[in-house]
């Protein structure tokens, strides 16, 4: 069973790389204990690409990225995650807030210009 953590419980703001580092440092003990985490990004406050990238980068460096499922509520967040995973040549997982199915984000060409089929369906 995965533990769900709201991003707002880790940091007060979700707009900068340093705040992403702060959030990751809060998550790390759980991730190192082999826990599976659902990181809920569904707050009303915007989540920047640099904030998300910092979480992905640090999780990748510590080899715990596979333990995170990003819970999202917008096509914009999915697009950000797709671009980050593509740039980092990593694979990740996400699920929509009102669905139980966990889906993969594959490391695809960083030259991706068009939104994924999943995003097109949500627009």
PDB file of N, CA and C in Angstrom:
ATOM      1  N   UNK A   1       0.836  -1.178   0.000  1.00  0.00           N
ATOM      2  CA  UNK A   1       0.000   0.000   0.000  1.00  0.00           C
ATOM      3  C   UNK A   1       0.888   1.252   0.000  1.00  0.00           C
ATOM      4  N   UNK A   2       0.500   2.221  -0.791  1.00  0.00           N
ATOM      5  CA  UNK A   2       1.252   3.463  -0.878  1.00  0.00           C
ATOM      6  C   UNK A   2       0.735   4.480   0.136  1.00  0.00           C
ATOM      7  N   UNK A   3       1.651   5.260   0.655  1.00  0.00           N
ATOM      8  CA  UNK A   3       1.288   6.353   1.560  1.00  0.00           C
ATOM      9  C   UNK A   3       1.125   7.610   0.714  1.00  0.00           C
ATOM     10  N   UNK A   4      -0.009   8.303   0.863  1.00  0.00           N
ATOM     11  CA  UNK A   4      -0.250   9.536   0.112  1.00  0.00           C
ATOM     12  C   UNK A   4       0.216  10.723   0.935  1.00  0.00           C
ATOM     13  N   UNK A   5       1.017  11.580   0.285  1.00  0.00           N
ATOM     14  CA  UNK A   5       1.537  12.777   0.934  1.00  0.00           C
ATOM     15  C   UNK A   5       1.181  13.974   0.064  1.00  0.00           C
ATOM     16  N   UNK A   6       0.543  14.955   0.668  1.00  0.00           N
ATOM     17  CA  UNK A   6       0.210  16.184  -0.039  1.00  0.00           C
ATOM     18  C   UNK A   6       1.454  17.058  -0.112  1.00  0.00           C
ATOM     19  N   UNK A   7       1.730  17.574  -1.278  1.00  0.00           N
ATOM     20  CA  UNK A   7       2.929  18.381  -1.487  1.00  0.00           C
ATOM     21  C   UNK A   7       2.982  19.568  -0.526  1.00  0.00           C
ATOM     22  N   UNK A   8       1.841  20.106  -0.156  1.00  0.00           N
ATOM     23  CA  UNK A   8       1.800  21.264   0.750  1.00  0.00           C
ATOM     24  C   UNK A   8       2.244  20.905   2.171  1.00  0.00           C
ATOM     25  N   UNK A   9       2.253  19.629   2.510  1.00  0.00           N
ATOM     26  CA  UNK A   9       2.739  19.238   3.831  1.00  0.00           C
ATOM     27  C   UNK A   9       4.266  19.202   3.886  1.00  0.00           C
ATOM     28  N   UNK A  10       4.914  19.299   2.727  1.00  0.00           N
ATOM     29  CA  UNK A  10       6.374  19.233   2.659  1.00  0.00           C
ATOM     30  C   UNK A  10       7.030  20.594   2.542  1.00  0.00           C
ATOM     31  N   UNK A  11       6.328  21.552   1.958  1.00  0.00           N
ATOM     32  CA  UNK A  11       6.881  22.881   1.753  1.00  0.00           C
ATOM     33  C   UNK A  11       5.734  23.867   1.556  1.00  0.00           C
ATOM     34  N   UNK A  12       5.968  25.108   1.920  1.00  0.00           N
ATOM     35  CA  UNK A  12       4.903  26.107   1.829  1.00  0.00           C
ATOM     36  C   UNK A  12       4.675  26.597   0.400  1.00  0.00           C
ATOM     37  N   UNK A  13       5.704  26.524  -0.442  1.00  0.00           N
ATOM     38  CA  UNK A  13       5.575  26.998  -1.823  1.00  0.00           C
ATOM     39  C   UNK A  13       6.155  25.967  -2.784  1.00  0.00           C
ATOM     40  N   UNK A  14       5.614  25.961  -3.973  1.00  0.00           N
ATOM     41  CA  UNK A  14       6.008  24.937  -4.958  1.00  0.00           C
ATOM     42  C   UNK A  14       6.482  25.578  -6.255  1.00  0.00           C
ATOM     43  N   UNK A  15       7.240  26.662  -6.123  1.00  0.00           N
ATOM     44  CA  UNK A  15       7.618  27.405  -7.323  1.00  0.00           C
ATOM     45  C   UNK A  15       9.111  27.418  -7.636  1.00  0.00           C
ATOM     46  N   UNK A  16       9.963  26.981  -6.731  1.00  0.00           N
ATOM     47  CA  UNK A  16      11.389  27.129  -6.981  1.00  0.00           C
ATOM     48  C   UNK A  16      12.143  25.820  -6.761  1.00  0.00           C
ATOM     49  N   UNK A  17      13.326  25.757  -7.354  1.00  0.00           N
ATOM     50  CA  UNK A  17      14.199  24.605  -7.185  1.00  0.00           C
ATOM     51  C   UNK A  17      14.579  24.392  -5.708  1.00  0.00           C
ATOM     52  N   UNK A  18      14.939  25.451  -4.962  1.00  0.00           N
ATOM     53  CA  UNK A  18      15.252  25.240  -3.540  1.00  0.00           C
ATOM     54  C   UNK A  18      14.074  24.652  -2.753  1.00  0.00           C
ATOM     55  N   UNK A  19      12.861  25.050  -3.091  1.00  0.00           N
ATOM     56  CA  UNK A  19      11.682  24.461  -2.419  1.00  0.00           C
ATOM     57  C   UNK A  19      11.507  22.998  -2.826  1.00  0.00           C
ATOM     58  N   UNK A  20      11.883  22.658  -4.062  1.00  0.00           N
ATOM     59  CA  UNK A  20      11.862  21.264  -4.493  1.00  0.00           C
ATOM     60  C   UNK A  20      12.854  20.432  -3.697  1.00  0.00           C
ATOM     61  N   UNK A  21      14.026  21.006  -3.450  1.00  0.00           N
ATOM     62  CA  UNK A  21      15.031  20.334  -2.616  1.00  0.00           C
ATOM     63  C   UNK A  21      14.497  20.131  -1.208  1.00  0.00           C
ATOM     64  N   UNK A  22      13.866  21.160  -0.668  1.00  0.00           N
ATOM     65  CA  UNK A  22      13.274  21.085   0.668  1.00  0.00           C
ATOM     66  C   UNK A  22      12.229  19.965   0.741  1.00  0.00           C
ATOM     67  N   UNK A  23      11.368  19.910  -0.246  1.00  0.00           N
ATOM     68  CA  UNK A  23      10.329  18.873  -0.274  1.00  0.00           C
ATOM     69  C   UNK A  23      10.969  17.486  -0.379  1.00  0.00           C
ATOM     70  N   UNK A  24      11.977  17.359  -1.242  1.00  0.00           N
ATOM     71  CA  UNK A  24      12.638  16.059  -1.394  1.00  0.00           C
ATOM     72  C   UNK A  24      13.291  15.620  -0.084  1.00  0.00           C
ATOM     73  N   UNK A  25      13.929  16.529   0.612  1.00  0.00           N
ATOM     74  CA  UNK A  25      14.577  16.180   1.877  1.00  0.00           C
ATOM     75  C   UNK A  25      13.566  15.675   2.904  1.00  0.00           C
ATOM     76  N   UNK A  26      12.348  16.207   2.840  1.00  0.00           N
ATOM     77  CA  UNK A  26      11.284  15.730   3.732  1.00  0.00           C
ATOM     78  C   UNK A  26      10.822  14.320   3.340  1.00  0.00           C
ATOM     79  N   UNK A  27      10.831  14.046   2.035  1.00  0.00           N
ATOM     80  CA  UNK A  27      10.393  12.742   1.524  1.00  0.00           C
ATOM     81  C   UNK A  27      11.435  11.646   1.704  1.00  0.00           C
ATOM     82  N   UNK A  28      12.694  12.015   1.664  1.00  0.00           N
ATOM     83  CA  UNK A  28      13.781  11.040   1.594  1.00  0.00           C
ATOM     84  C   UNK A  28      13.744   9.958   2.672  1.00  0.00           C
ATOM     85  N   UNK A  29      13.528  10.276   3.942  1.00  0.00           N
ATOM     86  CA  UNK A  29      13.502   9.195   4.940  1.00  0.00           C
ATOM     87  C   UNK A  29      12.451   8.124   4.624  1.00  0.00           C
ATOM     88  N   UNK A  30      11.290   8.543   4.166  1.00  0.00           N
ATOM     89  CA  UNK A  30      10.255   7.565   3.803  1.00  0.00           C
ATOM     90  C   UNK A  30      10.684   6.735   2.610  1.00  0.00           C
ATOM     91  N   UNK A  31      11.253   7.402   1.616  1.00  0.00           N
ATOM     92  CA  UNK A  31      11.675   6.692   0.411  1.00  0.00           C
ATOM     93  C   UNK A  31      12.813   5.715   0.694  1.00  0.00           C
ATOM     94  N   UNK A  32      13.716   6.087   1.570  1.00  0.00           N
ATOM     95  CA  UNK A  32      14.828   5.195   1.921  1.00  0.00           C
ATOM     96  C   UNK A  32      14.381   4.004   2.757  1.00  0.00           C
ATOM     97  N   UNK A  33      13.210   4.121   3.362  1.00  0.00           N
ATOM     98  CA  UNK A  33      12.670   2.990   4.131  1.00  0.00           C
ATOM     99  C   UNK A  33      11.906   2.023   3.226  1.00  0.00           C
ATOM    100  N   UNK A  34      12.060   2.209   1.924  1.00  0.00           N
ATOM    101  CA  UNK A  34      11.408   1.381   0.902  1.00  0.00           C
ATOM    102  C   UNK A  34       9.905   1.588   0.808  1.00  0.00           C
ATOM    103  N   UNK A  35       9.411   2.670   1.389  1.00  0.00           N
ATOM    104  CA  UNK A  35       7.987   2.980   1.285  1.00  0.00           C
ATOM    105  C   UNK A  35       7.661   3.446  -0.130  1.00  0.00           C
ATOM    106  N   UNK A  36       6.462   3.113  -0.578  1.00  0.00           N
ATOM    107  CA  UNK A  36       5.945   3.640  -1.841  1.00  0.00           C
ATOM    108  C   UNK A  36       5.122   4.873  -1.490  1.00  0.00           C
ATOM    109  N   UNK A  37       5.368   5.962  -2.202  1.00  0.00           N
ATOM    110  CA  UNK A  37       4.740   7.242  -1.902  1.00  0.00           C
ATOM    111  C   UNK A  37       3.877   7.696  -3.073  1.00  0.00           C
ATOM    112  N   UNK A  38       2.686   8.164  -2.762  1.00  0.00           N
ATOM    113  CA  UNK A  38       1.883   8.912  -3.736  1.00  0.00           C
ATOM    114  C   UNK A  38       2.051  10.369  -3.362  1.00  0.00           C
ATOM    115  N   UNK A  39       2.678  11.129  -4.250  1.00  0.00           N
ATOM    116  CA  UNK A  39       2.920  12.546  -3.994  1.00  0.00           C
ATOM    117  C   UNK A  39       1.826  13.344  -4.685  1.00  0.00           C
ATOM    118  N   UNK A  40       0.907  13.865  -3.889  1.00  0.00           N
ATOM    119  CA  UNK A  40      -0.245  14.580  -4.418  1.00  0.00           C
ATOM    120  C   UNK A  40       0.132  16.012  -4.781  1.00  0.00           C
ATOM    121  N   UNK A  41      -0.003  16.326  -6.067  1.00  0.00           N
ATOM    122  CA  UNK A  41       0.297  17.661  -6.581  1.00  0.00           C
ATOM    123  C   UNK A  41      -0.987  18.423  -6.889  1.00  0.00           C
ATOM    124  N   UNK A  42      -2.039  18.126  -6.182  1.00  0.00           N
ATOM    125  CA  UNK A  42      -3.366  18.632  -6.528  1.00  0.00           C
ATOM    126  C   UNK A  42      -3.782  19.884  -5.763  1.00  0.00           C
ATOM    127  N   UNK A  43      -2.821  20.600  -5.199  1.00  0.00           N
ATOM    128  CA  UNK A  43      -3.188  21.825  -4.489  1.00  0.00           C
ATOM    129  C   UNK A  43      -3.575  22.905  -5.497  1.00  0.00           C
ATOM    130  N   UNK A  44      -4.213  23.917  -5.019  1.00  0.00           N
ATOM    131  CA  UNK A  44      -4.627  25.015  -5.895  1.00  0.00           C
ATOM    132  C   UNK A  44      -3.449  25.899  -6.300  1.00  0.00           C
ATOM    133  N   UNK A  45      -2.364  25.822  -5.541  1.00  0.00           N
ATOM    134  CA  UNK A  45      -1.175  26.610  -5.864  1.00  0.00           C
ATOM    135  C   UNK A  45      -0.437  25.996  -7.052  1.00  0.00           C
ATOM    136  N   UNK A  46       0.140  26.829  -7.901  1.00  0.00           N
ATOM    137  CA  UNK A  46       0.876  26.299  -9.051  1.00  0.00           C
ATOM    138  C   UNK A  46       2.130  25.543  -8.615  1.00  0.00           C
ATOM    139  N   UNK A  47       2.503  24.560  -9.420  1.00  0.00           N
ATOM    140  CA  UNK A  47       3.720  23.786  -9.207  1.00  0.00           C
ATOM    141  C   UNK A  47       4.617  24.030 -10.410  1.00  0.00           C
ATOM    142  N   UNK A  48       5.799  24.598 -10.170  1.00  0.00           N
ATOM    143  CA  UNK A  48       6.672  24.941 -11.286  1.00  0.00           C
ATOM    144  C   UNK A  48       7.458  23.736 -11.789  1.00  0.00           C
ATOM    145  N   UNK A  49       7.905  23.838 -13.019  1.00  0.00           N
ATOM    146  CA  UNK A  49       8.728  22.782 -13.613  1.00  0.00           C
ATOM    147  C   UNK A  49      10.036  22.627 -12.854  1.00  0.00           C
ATOM    148  N   UNK A  50      10.626  23.732 -12.410  1.00  0.00           N
ATOM    149  CA  UNK A  50      11.895  23.634 -11.691  1.00  0.00           C
ATOM    150  C   UNK A  50      11.708  22.925 -10.348  1.00  0.00           C
ATOM    151  N   UNK A  51      10.595  23.163  -9.680  1.00  0.00           N
ATOM    152  CA  UNK A  51      10.282  22.473  -8.432  1.00  0.00           C
ATOM    153  C   UNK A  51      10.164  20.966  -8.681  1.00  0.00           C
ATOM    154  N   UNK A  52       9.382  20.589  -9.686  1.00  0.00           N
ATOM    155  CA  UNK A  52       9.210  19.175 -10.013  1.00  0.00           C
ATOM    156  C   UNK A  52      10.517  18.539 -10.460  1.00  0.00           C
ATOM    157  N   UNK A  53      11.273  19.257 -11.276  1.00  0.00           N
ATOM    158  CA  UNK A  53      12.540  18.725 -11.764  1.00  0.00           C
ATOM    159  C   UNK A  53      13.485  18.419 -10.608  1.00  0.00           C
ATOM    160  N   UNK A  54      13.491  19.256  -9.611  1.00  0.00           N
ATOM    161  CA  UNK A  54      14.374  19.029  -8.465  1.00  0.00           C
ATOM    162  C   UNK A  54      13.991  17.739  -7.738  1.00  0.00           C
ATOM    163  N   UNK A  55      12.711  17.497  -7.582  1.00  0.00           N
ATOM    164  CA  UNK A  55      12.270  16.251  -6.934  1.00  0.00           C
ATOM    165  C   UNK A  55      12.663  15.050  -7.783  1.00  0.00           C
ATOM    166  N   UNK A  56      12.442  15.139  -9.092  1.00  0.00           N
ATOM    167  CA  UNK A  56      12.802  14.030  -9.989  1.00  0.00           C
ATOM    168  C   UNK A  56      14.316  13.811  -9.980  1.00  0.00           C
ATOM    169  N   UNK A  57      15.085  14.877 -10.113  1.00  0.00           N
ATOM    170  CA  UNK A  57      16.540  14.775 -10.144  1.00  0.00           C
ATOM    171  C   UNK A  57      17.085  14.150  -8.869  1.00  0.00           C
ATOM    172  N   UNK A  58      16.690  14.672  -7.732  1.00  0.00           N
ATOM    173  CA  UNK A  58      17.209  14.147  -6.448  1.00  0.00           C
ATOM    174  C   UNK A  58      16.748  12.705  -6.207  1.00  0.00           C
ATOM    175  N   UNK A  59      15.522  12.401  -6.589  1.00  0.00           N
ATOM    176  CA  UNK A  59      15.017  11.029  -6.433  1.00  0.00           C
ATOM    177  C   UNK A  59      15.792  10.061  -7.319  1.00  0.00           C
ATOM    178  N   UNK A  60      16.107  10.504  -8.515  1.00  0.00           N
ATOM    179  CA  UNK A  60      16.898   9.691  -9.438  1.00  0.00           C
ATOM    180  C   UNK A  60      18.298   9.460  -8.878  1.00  0.00           C
ATOM    181  N   UNK A  61      18.918  10.510  -8.377  1.00  0.00           N
ATOM    182  CA  UNK A  61      20.268  10.392  -7.820  1.00  0.00           C
ATOM    183  C   UNK A  61      20.316   9.403  -6.657  1.00  0.00           C
ATOM    184  N   UNK A  62      19.280   9.394  -5.843  1.00  0.00           N
ATOM    185  CA  UNK A  62      19.220   8.489  -4.687  1.00  0.00           C
ATOM    186  C   UNK A  62      18.608   7.135  -5.034  1.00  0.00           C
ATOM    187  N   UNK A  63      18.260   6.960  -6.298  1.00  0.00           N
ATOM    188  CA  UNK A  63      17.681   5.713  -6.806  1.00  0.00           C
ATOM    189  C   UNK A  63      16.386   5.324  -6.091  1.00  0.00           C
ATOM    190  N   UNK A  64      15.542   6.327  -5.851  1.00  0.00           N
ATOM    191  CA  UNK A  64      14.249   6.087  -5.203  1.00  0.00           C
ATOM    192  C   UNK A  64      13.080   6.582  -6.048  1.00  0.00           C
ATOM    193  N   UNK A  65      13.367   7.034  -7.263  1.00  0.00           N
ATOM    194  CA  UNK A  65      12.323   7.596  -8.120  1.00  0.00           C
ATOM    195  C   UNK A  65      11.213   6.592  -8.398  1.00  0.00           C
ATOM    196  N   UNK A  66      11.567   5.326  -8.527  1.00  0.00           N
ATOM    197  CA  UNK A  66      10.566   4.298  -8.832  1.00  0.00           C
ATOM    198  C   UNK A  66       9.564   4.093  -7.699  1.00  0.00           C
ATOM    199  N   UNK A  67       9.830   4.661  -6.538  1.00  0.00           N
ATOM    200  CA  UNK A  67       8.917   4.518  -5.395  1.00  0.00           C
ATOM    201  C   UNK A  67       7.885   5.639  -5.309  1.00  0.00           C
ATOM    202  N   UNK A  68       7.936   6.587  -6.258  1.00  0.00           N
ATOM    203  CA  UNK A  68       7.019   7.732  -6.226  1.00  0.00           C
ATOM    204  C   UNK A  68       5.988   7.614  -7.339  1.00  0.00           C
ATOM    205  N   UNK A  69       4.729   7.819  -6.973  1.00  0.00           N
ATOM    206  CA  UNK A  69       3.651   7.989  -7.942  1.00  0.00           C
ATOM    207  C   UNK A  69       3.161   9.419  -7.778  1.00  0.00           C
ATOM    208  N   UNK A  70       3.235  10.198  -8.846  1.00  0.00           N
ATOM    209  CA  UNK A  70       2.772  11.584  -8.809  1.00  0.00           C
ATOM    210  C   UNK A  70       1.262  11.588  -9.053  1.00  0.00           C
ATOM    211  N   UNK A  71       0.510  12.176  -8.141  1.00  0.00           N
ATOM    212  CA  UNK A  71      -0.943  12.268  -8.267  1.00  0.00           C
ATOM    213  C   UNK A  71      -1.247  13.663  -8.816  1.00  0.00           C
ATOM    214  N   UNK A  72      -1.889  13.687  -9.983  1.00  0.00           N
ATOM    215  CA  UNK A  72      -2.096  14.954 -10.692  1.00  0.00           C
ATOM    216  C   UNK A  72      -3.574  15.195 -10.986  1.00  0.00           C
ATOM    217  N   UNK A  73      -3.863  16.465 -11.292  1.00  0.00           N
ATOM    218  CA  UNK A  73      -5.253  16.816 -11.612  1.00  0.00           C
ATOM    219  C   UNK A  73      -5.370  17.696 -12.850  1.00  0.00           C
ATOM    220  N   UNK A  74      -4.265  17.825 -13.607  1.00  0.00           N
ATOM    221  CA  UNK A  74      -4.345  18.675 -14.803  1.00  0.00           C
ATOM    222  C   UNK A  74      -3.411  18.171 -15.897  1.00  0.00           C
ATOM    223  N   UNK A  75      -3.821  18.448 -17.120  1.00  0.00           N
ATOM    224  CA  UNK A  75      -2.987  18.106 -18.279  1.00  0.00           C
ATOM    225  C   UNK A  75      -1.681  18.898 -18.233  1.00  0.00           C
ATOM    226  N   UNK A  76      -1.726  20.099 -17.683  1.00  0.00           N
ATOM    227  CA  UNK A  76      -0.516  20.914 -17.570  1.00  0.00           C
ATOM    228  C   UNK A  76       0.542  20.225 -16.701  1.00  0.00           C
ATOM    229  N   UNK A  77       0.128  19.641 -15.580  1.00  0.00           N
ATOM    230  CA  UNK A  77       1.073  18.916 -14.726  1.00  0.00           C
ATOM    231  C   UNK A  77       1.631  17.690 -15.440  1.00  0.00           C
ATOM    232  N   UNK A  78       0.780  16.983 -16.166  1.00  0.00           N
ATOM    233  CA  UNK A  78       1.266  15.820 -16.907  1.00  0.00           C
ATOM    234  C   UNK A  78       2.286  16.247 -17.951  1.00  0.00           C
ATOM    235  N   UNK A  79       2.018  17.319 -18.645  1.00  0.00           N
ATOM    236  CA  UNK A  79       2.957  17.827 -19.655  1.00  0.00           C
ATOM    237  C   UNK A  79       4.298  18.182 -19.009  1.00  0.00           C
ATOM    238  N   UNK A  80       4.262  18.842 -17.864  1.00  0.00           N
ATOM    239  CA  UNK A  80       5.510  19.180 -17.164  1.00  0.00           C
ATOM    240  C   UNK A  80       6.284  17.919 -16.800  1.00  0.00           C
ATOM    241  N   UNK A  81       5.578  16.940 -16.239  1.00  0.00           N
ATOM    242  CA  UNK A  81       6.243  15.695 -15.860  1.00  0.00           C
ATOM    243  C   UNK A  81       6.823  14.977 -17.079  1.00  0.00           C
ATOM    244  N   UNK A  82       6.070  14.940 -18.171  1.00  0.00           N
ATOM    245  CA  UNK A  82       6.578  14.296 -19.384  1.00  0.00           C
ATOM    246  C   UNK A  82       7.862  14.960 -19.864  1.00  0.00           C
ATOM    247  N   UNK A  83       7.883  16.260 -19.868  1.00  0.00           N
ATOM    248  CA  UNK A  83       9.086  16.985 -20.315  1.00  0.00           C
ATOM    249  C   UNK A  83      10.268  16.733 -19.386  1.00  0.00           C
ATOM    250  N   UNK A  84      10.022  16.737 -18.095  1.00  0.00           N
ATOM    251  CA  UNK A  84      11.101  16.502 -17.131  1.00  0.00           C
ATOM    252  C   UNK A  84      11.654  15.095 -17.287  1.00  0.00           C
ATOM    253  N   UNK A  85      10.786  14.098 -17.345  1.00  0.00           N
ATOM    254  CA  UNK A  85      11.248  12.725 -17.485  1.00  0.00           C
ATOM    255  C   UNK A  85      11.972  12.520 -18.807  1.00  0.00           C
ATOM    256  N   UNK A  86      11.502  13.167 -19.844  1.00  0.00           N
ATOM    257  CA  UNK A  86      12.169  13.092 -21.134  1.00  0.00           C
ATOM    258  C   UNK A  86      13.563  13.703 -21.053  1.00  0.00           C
ATOM    259  N   UNK A  87      13.663  14.893 -20.491  1.00  0.00           N
ATOM    260  CA  UNK A  87      14.939  15.579 -20.367  1.00  0.00           C
ATOM    261  C   UNK A  87      15.918  14.771 -19.514  1.00  0.00           C
ATOM    262  N   UNK A  88      15.437  14.187 -18.443  1.00  0.00           N
ATOM    263  CA  UNK A  88      16.278  13.415 -17.515  1.00  0.00           C
ATOM    264  C   UNK A  88      16.516  11.976 -17.986  1.00  0.00           C
ATOM    265  N   UNK A  89      15.862  11.598 -19.086  1.00  0.00           N
ATOM    266  CA  UNK A  89      15.947  10.222 -19.598  1.00  0.00           C
ATOM    267  C   UNK A  89      15.583   9.216 -18.512  1.00  0.00           C
ATOM    268  N   UNK A  90      14.512   9.519 -17.816  1.00  0.00           N
ATOM    269  CA  UNK A  90      14.009   8.681 -16.729  1.00  0.00           C
ATOM    270  C   UNK A  90      12.589   8.227 -17.040  1.00  0.00           C
ATOM    271  N   UNK A  91      12.161   7.220 -16.331  1.00  0.00           N
ATOM    272  CA  UNK A  91      10.772   6.767 -16.393  1.00  0.00           C
ATOM    273  C   UNK A  91      10.143   7.041 -15.034  1.00  0.00           C
ATOM    274  N   UNK A  92       8.862   7.360 -15.056  1.00  0.00           N
ATOM    275  CA  UNK A  92       8.168   7.641 -13.805  1.00  0.00           C
ATOM    276  C   UNK A  92       6.747   7.135 -13.852  1.00  0.00           C
ATOM    277  N   UNK A  93       6.026   7.401 -12.779  1.00  0.00           N
ATOM    278  CA  UNK A  93       4.641   6.941 -12.679  1.00  0.00           C
ATOM    279  C   UNK A  93       3.752   8.071 -12.179  1.00  0.00           C
ATOM    280  N   UNK A  94       2.498   8.030 -12.617  1.00  0.00           N
ATOM    281  CA  UNK A  94       1.512   9.022 -12.174  1.00  0.00           C
ATOM    282  C   UNK A  94       0.142   8.379 -12.184  1.00  0.00           C
ATOM    283  N   UNK A  95      -0.778   9.057 -11.525  1.00  0.00           N
ATOM    284  CA  UNK A  95      -2.195   8.698 -11.649  1.00  0.00           C
ATOM    285  C   UNK A  95      -3.004   9.967 -11.522  1.00  0.00           C
ATOM    286  N   UNK A  96      -4.154   9.946 -12.161  1.00  0.00           N
ATOM    287  CA  UNK A  96      -5.080  11.076 -12.042  1.00  0.00           C
ATOM    288  C   UNK A  96      -5.747  11.012 -10.673  1.00  0.00           C
ATOM    289  N   UNK A  97      -6.037  12.150 -10.109  1.00  0.00           N
ATOM    290  CA  UNK A  97      -6.548  12.237  -8.745  1.00  0.00           C
ATOM    291  C   UNK A  97      -7.823  11.420  -8.535  1.00  0.00           C
ATOM    292  N   UNK A  98      -8.683  11.344  -9.509  1.00  0.00           N
ATOM    293  CA  UNK A  98      -9.950  10.630  -9.335  1.00  0.00           C
ATOM    294  C   UNK A  98      -9.938   9.231  -9.934  1.00  0.00           C
ATOM    295  N   UNK A  99      -8.763   8.715 -10.215  1.00  0.00           N
ATOM    296  CA  UNK A  99      -8.631   7.369 -10.783  1.00  0.00           C
ATOM    297  C   UNK A  99      -7.640   6.566  -9.947  1.00  0.00           C
ATOM    298  N   UNK A 100      -7.776   5.262 -10.001  1.00  0.00           N
ATOM    299  CA  UNK A 100      -6.867   4.392  -9.254  1.00  0.00           C
ATOM    300  C   UNK A 100      -5.744   3.827 -10.112  1.00  0.00           C
ATOM    301  N   UNK A 101      -5.884   3.912 -11.426  1.00  0.00           N
ATOM    302  CA  UNK A 101      -4.906   3.313 -12.325  1.00  0.00           C
ATOM    303  C   UNK A 101      -3.621   4.131 -12.367  1.00  0.00           C
ATOM    304  N   UNK A 102      -2.514   3.469 -12.065  1.00  0.00           N
ATOM    305  CA  UNK A 102      -1.204   4.098 -12.149  1.00  0.00           C
ATOM    306  C   UNK A 102      -0.678   3.889 -13.569  1.00  0.00           C
ATOM    307  N   UNK A 103      -0.196   4.972 -14.165  1.00  0.00           N
ATOM    308  CA  UNK A 103       0.310   4.931 -15.537  1.00  0.00           C
ATOM    309  C   UNK A 103       1.777   5.311 -15.544  1.00  0.00           C
ATOM    310  N   UNK A 104       2.467   4.880 -16.590  1.00  0.00           N
ATOM    311  CA  UNK A 104       3.891   5.159 -16.725  1.00  0.00           C
ATOM    312  C   UNK A 104       4.132   6.378 -17.591  1.00  0.00           C
ATOM    313  N   UNK A 105       5.202   7.071 -17.264  1.00  0.00           N
ATOM    314  CA  UNK A 105       5.744   8.120 -18.124  1.00  0.00           C
ATOM    315  C   UNK A 105       7.094   7.582 -18.571  1.00  0.00           C
ATOM    316  N   UNK A 106       7.222   7.328 -19.841  1.00  0.00           N
ATOM    317  CA  UNK A 106       8.465   6.775 -20.353  1.00  0.00           C
ATOM    318  C   UNK A 106       9.426   7.869 -20.761  1.00  0.00           C
ATOM    319  N   UNK A 107      10.697   7.548 -20.687  1.00  0.00           N
ATOM    320  CA  UNK A 107      11.723   8.466 -21.185  1.00  0.00           C
ATOM    321  C   UNK A 107      11.630   8.436 -22.701  1.00  0.00           C
ATOM    322  N   UNK A 108      11.153   9.532 -23.257  1.00  0.00           N
ATOM    323  CA  UNK A 108      10.995   9.614 -24.703  1.00  0.00           C
ATOM    324  C   UNK A 108      11.898  10.701 -25.241  1.00  0.00           C
ATOM    325  N   UNK A 109      11.945  10.839 -26.517  1.00  0.00           N
ATOM    326  CA  UNK A 109      12.805  11.832 -27.146  1.00  0.00           C
ATOM    327  C   UNK A 109      12.554  13.211 -26.569  1.00  0.00           C
ATOM    328  N   UNK A 110      13.620  13.912 -26.231  1.00  0.00           N
ATOM    329  CA  UNK A 110      13.471  15.264 -25.694  1.00  0.00           C
ATOM    330  C   UNK A 110      13.010  16.234 -26.763  1.00  0.00           C
ATOM    331  N   UNK A 111      12.875  15.757 -27.978  1.00  0.00           N
ATOM    332  CA  UNK A 111      12.412  16.606 -29.060  1.00  0.00           C
ATOM    333  C   UNK A 111      10.894  16.571 -29.175  1.00  0.00           C
ATOM    334  N   UNK A 112      10.240  15.933 -28.206  1.00  0.00           N
ATOM    335  CA  UNK A 112       8.789  15.831 -28.221  1.00  0.00           C
ATOM    336  C   UNK A 112       8.173  17.231 -28.233  1.00  0.00           C
ATOM    337  N   UNK A 113       7.383  17.491 -29.209  1.00  0.00           N
ATOM    338  CA  UNK A 113       6.726  18.797 -29.319  1.00  0.00           C
ATOM    339  C   UNK A 113       5.231  18.690 -29.066  1.00  0.00           C
ATOM    340  N   UNK A 114       4.636  17.597 -29.491  1.00  0.00           N
ATOM    341  CA  UNK A 114       3.188  17.486 -29.365  1.00  0.00           C
ATOM    342  C   UNK A 114       2.836  16.799 -28.052  1.00  0.00           C
ATOM    343  N   UNK A 115       1.708  17.161 -27.490  1.00  0.00           N
ATOM    344  CA  UNK A 115       1.295  16.530 -26.237  1.00  0.00           C
ATOM    345  C   UNK A 115       0.964  15.056 -26.443  1.00  0.00           C
ATOM    346  N   UNK A 116       1.139  14.289 -25.391  1.00  0.00           N
ATOM    347  CA  UNK A 116       0.827  12.863 -25.459  1.00  0.00           C
ATOM    348  C   UNK A 116      -0.670  12.668 -25.688  1.00  0.00           C
ATOM    349  N   UNK A 117      -1.025  11.471 -26.060  1.00  0.00           N
ATOM    350  CA  UNK A 117      -2.435  11.129 -26.266  1.00  0.00           C
ATOM    351  C   UNK A 117      -3.228  11.342 -24.973  1.00  0.00           C
ATOM    352  N   UNK A 118      -2.607  11.037 -23.835  1.00  0.00           N
ATOM    353  CA  UNK A 118      -3.276  11.218 -22.554  1.00  0.00           C
ATOM    354  C   UNK A 118      -3.638  12.684 -22.355  1.00  0.00           C
ATOM    355  N   UNK A 119      -2.735  13.577 -22.682  1.00  0.00           N
ATOM    356  CA  UNK A 119      -2.999  15.006 -22.531  1.00  0.00           C
ATOM    357  C   UNK A 119      -4.091  15.442 -23.506  1.00  0.00           C
ATOM    358  N   UNK A 120      -4.008  14.978 -24.740  1.00  0.00           N
ATOM    359  CA  UNK A 120      -5.014  15.349 -25.727  1.00  0.00           C
ATOM    360  C   UNK A 120      -6.408  14.943 -25.257  1.00  0.00           C
ATOM    361  N   UNK A 121      -6.497  13.764 -24.634  1.00  0.00           N
ATOM    362  CA  UNK A 121      -7.793  13.293 -24.139  1.00  0.00           C
ATOM    363  C   UNK A 121      -8.329  14.175 -23.019  1.00  0.00           C
ATOM    364  N   UNK A 122      -7.448  14.805 -22.263  1.00  0.00           N
ATOM    365  CA  UNK A 122      -7.847  15.611 -21.095  1.00  0.00           C
ATOM    366  C   UNK A 122      -8.146  17.052 -21.465  1.00  0.00           C
ATOM    367  N   UNK A 123      -7.730  17.497 -22.637  1.00  0.00           N
ATOM    368  CA  UNK A 123      -7.937  18.894 -23.019  1.00  0.00           C
ATOM    369  C   UNK A 123      -9.363  19.163 -23.424  1.00  0.00           C
TER     370      UNK A 123
END
